[in-house]
């Protein structure tokens, strides 16, 4: 287990600095101080290493439980604030992995398929939340419209622009996202 963590840590650093394509198994082996054959037997492929990194970080965030809490919140505005917090935590702890996934999906069919599955799961979670608050949506905003707005507002490119590029804090991002979701999606009484 420690060997896998060592490999994943070295790979994450190399993916962030050299990109997915630029981080070879040989380079990962050198950075981890582990022979390349050990990496192949532990993971098999570079795609599996990236998947292990993503699952490792995601498991610490307990995203499913957090979505359930947002969904169970009786106040729709507070539920959207909780959803904004989920998004903030994901970007704060794994924006680099999200960006690597997007890069890798362009050339690696396994990662492309994985990214499609992740995107579909996220959309289902968002839709479930929006369906639960449908009675509180602003006039003229359908669940489908709300989903389109929600998906757009949580794009990684928006986070990248506001936080790493423009220097916003993650708190500013979360507050902006929560406020924008509430203003765009809910009736004026929230």
Protein backbone atom coordinates (compact mmCIF):
# COMPACT_ATOMS: atom_id res chain seq x y z
CA UNK A 1 0.00 0.00 0.00
CA UNK A 2 2.81 2.43 0.85
CA UNK A 3 4.41 1.67 -2.53
CA UNK A 4 1.18 2.56 -4.36
CA UNK A 5 0.90 5.81 -2.39
CA UNK A 6 4.53 6.62 -3.16
CA UNK A 7 3.93 6.01 -6.87
CA UNK A 8 0.70 8.04 -6.87
CA UNK A 9 2.36 10.95 -5.10
CA UNK A 10 5.28 11.01 -7.50
CA UNK A 11 2.97 10.69 -10.51
CA UNK A 12 0.69 13.49 -9.31
CA UNK A 13 3.66 15.84 -9.06
CA UNK A 14 4.96 14.87 -12.49
CA UNK A 15 1.50 15.11 -14.09
CA UNK A 16 1.14 18.61 -12.65
CA UNK A 17 4.54 19.80 -13.86
CA UNK A 18 4.99 17.88 -17.12
CA UNK A 19 1.42 17.06 -18.11
CA UNK A 20 -0.07 13.63 -18.54
CA UNK A 21 1.70 12.94 -21.83
CA UNK A 22 5.04 14.23 -20.54
CA UNK A 23 5.07 12.08 -17.42
CA UNK A 24 6.36 8.68 -18.48
CA UNK A 25 6.35 5.54 -16.38
CA UNK A 26 10.16 5.76 -16.39
CA UNK A 27 10.02 9.32 -15.01
CA UNK A 28 7.42 8.29 -12.40
CA UNK A 29 9.64 5.37 -11.37
CA UNK A 30 12.65 7.68 -10.98
CA UNK A 31 10.66 10.25 -8.99
CA UNK A 32 9.17 7.57 -6.73
CA UNK A 33 12.48 5.74 -6.32
CA UNK A 34 10.77 2.53 -7.40
CA UNK A 35 11.70 0.30 -10.35
CA UNK A 36 9.44 0.66 -13.41
CA UNK A 37 8.46 -3.06 -13.35
CA UNK A 38 7.05 -2.53 -9.83
CA UNK A 39 4.90 0.31 -11.15
CA UNK A 40 3.61 -1.87 -13.96
CA UNK A 41 2.74 -4.65 -11.52
CA UNK A 42 1.12 -2.25 -9.05
CA UNK A 43 -0.96 -0.32 -11.61
CA UNK A 44 -0.44 -1.66 -15.10
CA UNK A 45 -0.88 1.64 -16.93
CA UNK A 46 -0.46 5.35 -16.48
CA UNK A 47 -4.26 5.70 -16.76
CA UNK A 48 -4.69 3.42 -13.73
CA UNK A 49 -2.26 5.56 -11.76
CA UNK A 50 -4.28 8.69 -12.58
CA UNK A 51 -7.52 6.93 -11.68
CA UNK A 52 -6.04 5.83 -8.34
CA UNK A 53 -4.96 9.41 -7.61
CA UNK A 54 -8.46 10.72 -8.38
CA UNK A 55 -10.24 8.05 -6.34
CA UNK A 56 -7.83 8.56 -3.44
CA UNK A 57 -8.52 12.29 -3.25
CA UNK A 58 -12.25 11.92 -3.88
CA UNK A 59 -12.64 9.37 -1.11
CA UNK A 60 -11.27 11.85 1.44
CA UNK A 61 -13.91 14.42 0.40
CA UNK A 62 -16.91 12.10 0.93
CA UNK A 63 -18.74 13.80 -1.94
CA UNK A 64 -21.75 11.46 -1.97
CA UNK A 65 -22.53 12.11 1.70
CA UNK A 66 -22.08 15.84 1.14
CA UNK A 67 -24.50 15.78 -1.82
CA UNK A 68 -27.01 13.88 0.33
CA UNK A 69 -26.73 16.56 3.03
CA UNK A 70 -27.28 19.33 0.49
CA UNK A 71 -30.25 17.44 -0.93
CA UNK A 72 -31.77 16.89 2.55
CA UNK A 73 -31.46 20.58 3.51
CA UNK A 74 -35.02 21.97 3.83
CA UNK A 75 -33.94 25.53 2.92
CA UNK A 76 -33.17 25.50 -0.84
CA UNK A 77 -30.77 28.46 -0.55
CA UNK A 78 -28.83 26.70 2.21
CA UNK A 79 -28.79 23.53 0.11
CA UNK A 80 -27.18 25.48 -2.74
CA UNK A 81 -24.66 26.94 -0.30
CA UNK A 82 -23.75 23.39 0.72
CA UNK A 83 -23.45 22.44 -2.96
CA UNK A 84 -21.10 25.40 -3.51
CA UNK A 85 -19.00 24.16 -0.59
CA UNK A 86 -18.78 20.71 -2.17
CA UNK A 87 -17.54 22.26 -5.40
CA UNK A 88 -15.05 24.47 -3.58
CA UNK A 89 -13.61 21.50 -1.68
CA UNK A 90 -13.29 19.43 -4.85
CA UNK A 91 -11.43 22.20 -6.66
CA UNK A 92 -9.37 23.14 -3.63
CA UNK A 93 -8.12 19.58 -3.10
CA UNK A 94 -7.99 18.25 -6.61
CA UNK A 95 -8.08 20.96 -9.26
CA UNK A 96 -4.74 19.68 -10.55
CA UNK A 97 -6.20 16.18 -10.95
CA UNK A 98 -9.28 17.54 -12.71
CA UNK A 99 -7.08 19.48 -15.14
CA UNK A 100 -4.88 16.41 -15.72
CA UNK A 101 -7.98 14.31 -16.43
CA UNK A 102 -9.14 16.80 -19.06
CA UNK A 103 -5.71 16.76 -20.70
CA UNK A 104 -5.39 12.97 -20.55
CA UNK A 105 -8.89 12.40 -21.95
CA UNK A 106 -7.79 13.97 -25.24
CA UNK A 107 -5.31 11.15 -25.91
CA UNK A 108 -6.13 8.24 -23.59
CA UNK A 109 -9.37 6.35 -24.36
CA UNK A 110 -9.51 4.81 -20.86
CA UNK A 111 -9.37 8.23 -19.22
CA UNK A 112 -11.84 9.64 -21.78
CA UNK A 113 -14.32 6.92 -20.84
CA UNK A 114 -13.69 7.46 -17.14
CA UNK A 115 -14.22 11.22 -17.55
CA UNK A 116 -17.53 10.61 -19.33
CA UNK A 117 -18.66 8.44 -16.41
CA UNK A 118 -17.57 11.04 -13.84
CA UNK A 119 -19.32 13.82 -15.77
CA UNK A 120 -22.53 11.78 -16.04
CA UNK A 121 -22.46 10.98 -12.31
CA UNK A 122 -21.95 14.65 -11.42
CA UNK A 123 -24.81 15.67 -13.67
CA UNK A 124 -27.11 13.07 -12.07
CA UNK A 125 -26.23 14.38 -8.60
CA UNK A 126 -26.87 17.99 -9.69
CA UNK A 127 -30.18 17.04 -11.37
CA UNK A 128 -31.32 15.13 -8.28
CA UNK A 129 -30.67 18.21 -6.15
CA UNK A 130 -32.46 20.53 -8.58
CA UNK A 131 -35.46 18.21 -8.89
CA UNK A 132 -35.75 18.27 -5.09
CA UNK A 133 -35.98 22.07 -5.10
CA UNK A 134 -38.00 22.40 -8.32
CA UNK A 135 -40.90 24.11 -6.53
CA UNK A 136 -38.49 26.87 -5.44
CA UNK A 137 -36.93 27.56 -8.84
CA UNK A 138 -37.39 31.05 -10.25
CA UNK A 139 -40.32 31.57 -12.58
CA UNK A 140 -39.49 30.36 -16.07
CA UNK A 141 -36.51 28.29 -14.90
CA UNK A 142 -37.11 24.61 -15.54
CA UNK A 143 -35.05 21.86 -13.94
CA UNK A 144 -33.28 21.42 -17.29
CA UNK A 145 -32.52 25.15 -17.49
CA UNK A 146 -31.31 25.11 -13.89
CA UNK A 147 -29.07 22.14 -14.65
CA UNK A 148 -27.52 23.96 -17.61
CA UNK A 149 -26.84 27.02 -15.43
CA UNK A 150 -25.45 24.88 -12.60
CA UNK A 151 -23.14 22.89 -14.88
CA UNK A 152 -21.86 26.09 -16.46
CA UNK A 153 -21.16 27.81 -13.14
CA UNK A 154 -19.14 24.86 -11.81
CA UNK A 155 -16.90 24.46 -14.85
CA UNK A 156 -13.25 23.99 -13.87
CA UNK A 157 -12.33 26.84 -16.25
CA UNK A 158 -14.33 29.29 -14.14
CA UNK A 159 -12.56 28.16 -10.96
CA UNK A 160 -9.18 28.36 -12.73
CA UNK A 161 -9.93 31.88 -13.96
CA UNK A 162 -11.10 33.19 -10.60
CA UNK A 163 -8.78 31.45 -8.15
CA UNK A 164 -5.38 30.59 -9.67
CA UNK A 165 -5.42 33.25 -12.40
CA UNK A 166 -7.27 36.18 -10.79
CA UNK A 167 -6.11 35.50 -7.23
CA UNK A 168 -9.46 34.97 -5.52
CA UNK A 169 -9.40 32.97 -2.31
CA UNK A 170 -11.34 29.71 -2.21
CA UNK A 171 -13.72 31.39 0.27
CA UNK A 172 -14.42 34.15 -2.27
CA UNK A 173 -15.04 31.53 -4.94
CA UNK A 174 -17.42 29.56 -2.71
CA UNK A 175 -19.36 32.69 -1.69
CA UNK A 176 -19.59 33.87 -5.30
CA UNK A 177 -20.74 30.46 -6.49
CA UNK A 178 -23.34 30.11 -3.74
CA UNK A 179 -24.69 33.62 -4.30
CA UNK A 180 -24.80 33.19 -8.07
CA UNK A 181 -26.55 29.82 -7.85
CA UNK A 182 -29.13 31.27 -5.47
CA UNK A 183 -29.73 34.39 -7.59
CA UNK A 184 -29.89 32.50 -10.89
CA UNK A 185 -31.94 29.52 -9.77
CA UNK A 186 -34.26 30.44 -6.93
CA UNK A 187 -37.29 32.66 -6.57
CA UNK A 188 -36.58 36.09 -5.13
CA UNK A 189 -37.68 35.20 -1.59
CA UNK A 190 -34.38 33.48 -0.73
